[in-house]
C-alpha cells in the first residue's frame, strides 16, 4: 500500500510554499491553508489536482 500523507505533508515533501501551490492551481493561498487545516472537506476535483501536482496517486492523500 502506498504511503498516505496529509495535504500539508505532501506540500512540504515537494518543497513548495502555500503560495506556490495556490498559483499553480489558480486559487488563493488562504484556500490552500484551509485545505491543509481541514482536509476532510476536499472535493474530488481538488484531491485529483493535488495528486497530479505532487506526482502521486489519489489514494496517497490522507483525507
C-alpha atoms as a PDB file:
ATOM      1  CA  UNK A   1       0.000   0.000   0.000  1.00  0.00           C
ATOM      2  CA  UNK A   2       1.402   3.422  -0.897  1.00  0.00           C
ATOM      3  CA  UNK A   3       2.250   5.802   1.909  1.00  0.00           C
ATOM      4  CA  UNK A   4      -0.552   8.192   2.876  1.00  0.00           C
ATOM      5  CA  UNK A   5       0.343  11.713   3.969  1.00  0.00           C
ATOM      6  CA  UNK A   6      -1.718  14.800   4.682  1.00  0.00           C
ATOM      7  CA  UNK A   7      -2.078  17.560   2.109  1.00  0.00           C
ATOM      8  CA  UNK A   8       0.332  19.726   4.120  1.00  0.00           C
ATOM      9  CA  UNK A   9       2.960  16.988   4.433  1.00  0.00           C
ATOM     10  CA  UNK A  10       2.899  16.288   0.694  1.00  0.00           C
ATOM     11  CA  UNK A  11       3.417  20.007   0.036  1.00  0.00           C
ATOM     12  CA  UNK A  12       6.409  20.021   2.373  1.00  0.00           C
ATOM     13  CA  UNK A  13       7.834  16.839   0.818  1.00  0.00           C
ATOM     14  CA  UNK A  14       7.683  18.584  -2.564  1.00  0.00           C
ATOM     15  CA  UNK A  15       9.315  21.681  -1.014  1.00  0.00           C
ATOM     16  CA  UNK A  16       6.538  24.039  -2.078  1.00  0.00           C
ATOM     17  CA  UNK A  17       5.092  27.064  -0.319  1.00  0.00           C
ATOM     18  CA  UNK A  18       1.336  27.529   0.054  1.00  0.00           C
ATOM     19  CA  UNK A  19       1.521  30.487  -2.340  1.00  0.00           C
ATOM     20  CA  UNK A  20       3.264  28.367  -4.984  1.00  0.00           C
ATOM     21  CA  UNK A  21       0.567  25.683  -4.782  1.00  0.00           C
ATOM     22  CA  UNK A  22      -2.103  28.383  -4.922  1.00  0.00           C
ATOM     23  CA  UNK A  23      -0.549  29.984  -8.005  1.00  0.00           C
ATOM     24  CA  UNK A  24      -0.284  26.655  -9.827  1.00  0.00           C
ATOM     25  CA  UNK A  25      -3.876  25.656  -9.022  1.00  0.00           C
ATOM     26  CA  UNK A  26      -5.343  29.128  -9.547  1.00  0.00           C
ATOM     27  CA  UNK A  27      -6.600  29.632  -6.007  1.00  0.00           C
ATOM     28  CA  UNK A  28      -5.786  31.875  -3.050  1.00  0.00           C
ATOM     29  CA  UNK A  29      -3.065  30.865  -0.560  1.00  0.00           C
ATOM     30  CA  UNK A  30      -5.708  31.064   2.185  1.00  0.00           C
ATOM     31  CA  UNK A  31      -7.637  28.360   0.343  1.00  0.00           C
ATOM     32  CA  UNK A  32      -4.588  26.091   0.386  1.00  0.00           C
ATOM     33  CA  UNK A  33      -4.215  26.782   4.108  1.00  0.00           C
ATOM     34  CA  UNK A  34      -7.855  25.833   4.626  1.00  0.00           C
ATOM     35  CA  UNK A  35      -7.359  22.574   2.728  1.00  0.00           C
ATOM     36  CA  UNK A  36      -4.386  21.779   4.942  1.00  0.00           C
ATOM     37  CA  UNK A  37      -6.222  22.637   8.158  1.00  0.00           C
ATOM     38  CA  UNK A  38      -9.444  20.803   7.300  1.00  0.00           C
ATOM     39  CA  UNK A  39      -8.541  18.142   4.752  1.00  0.00           C
ATOM     40  CA  UNK A  40     -11.848  16.370   5.251  1.00  0.00           C
ATOM     41  CA  UNK A  41     -13.742  18.878   3.094  1.00  0.00           C
ATOM     42  CA  UNK A  42     -11.689  18.473  -0.074  1.00  0.00           C
ATOM     43  CA  UNK A  43     -13.658  17.997  -3.270  1.00  0.00           C
ATOM     44  CA  UNK A  44     -12.725  15.152  -5.599  1.00  0.00           C
ATOM     45  CA  UNK A  45     -11.525  17.700  -8.146  1.00  0.00           C
ATOM     46  CA  UNK A  46      -9.192  19.259  -5.571  1.00  0.00           C
ATOM     47  CA  UNK A  47      -7.804  15.892  -4.492  1.00  0.00           C
ATOM     48  CA  UNK A  48      -7.099  14.948  -8.120  1.00  0.00           C
ATOM     49  CA  UNK A  49      -5.446  18.325  -8.798  1.00  0.00           C
ATOM     50  CA  UNK A  50      -3.236  17.999  -5.722  1.00  0.00           C
ATOM     51  CA  UNK A  51      -2.297  14.414  -6.597  1.00  0.00           C
ATOM     52  CA  UNK A  52      -1.307  15.486 -10.090  1.00  0.00           C
ATOM     53  CA  UNK A  53       0.697  18.435  -8.761  1.00  0.00           C
ATOM     54  CA  UNK A  54       2.528  16.293  -6.200  1.00  0.00           C
ATOM     55  CA  UNK A  55       3.007  13.446  -8.734  1.00  0.00           C
ATOM     56  CA  UNK A  56       1.313  10.887  -6.506  1.00  0.00           C
ATOM     57  CA  UNK A  57      -1.723   8.628  -6.614  1.00  0.00           C
ATOM     58  CA  UNK A  58      -5.011   9.974  -5.273  1.00  0.00           C
ATOM     59  CA  UNK A  59      -5.112   7.349  -2.514  1.00  0.00           C
ATOM     60  CA  UNK A  60      -1.805   8.644  -1.147  1.00  0.00           C
ATOM     61  CA  UNK A  61      -3.541  11.793   0.128  1.00  0.00           C
ATOM     62  CA  UNK A  62      -4.882  11.281   3.632  1.00  0.00           C
ATOM     63  CA  UNK A  63      -8.332  12.858   3.884  1.00  0.00           C
END
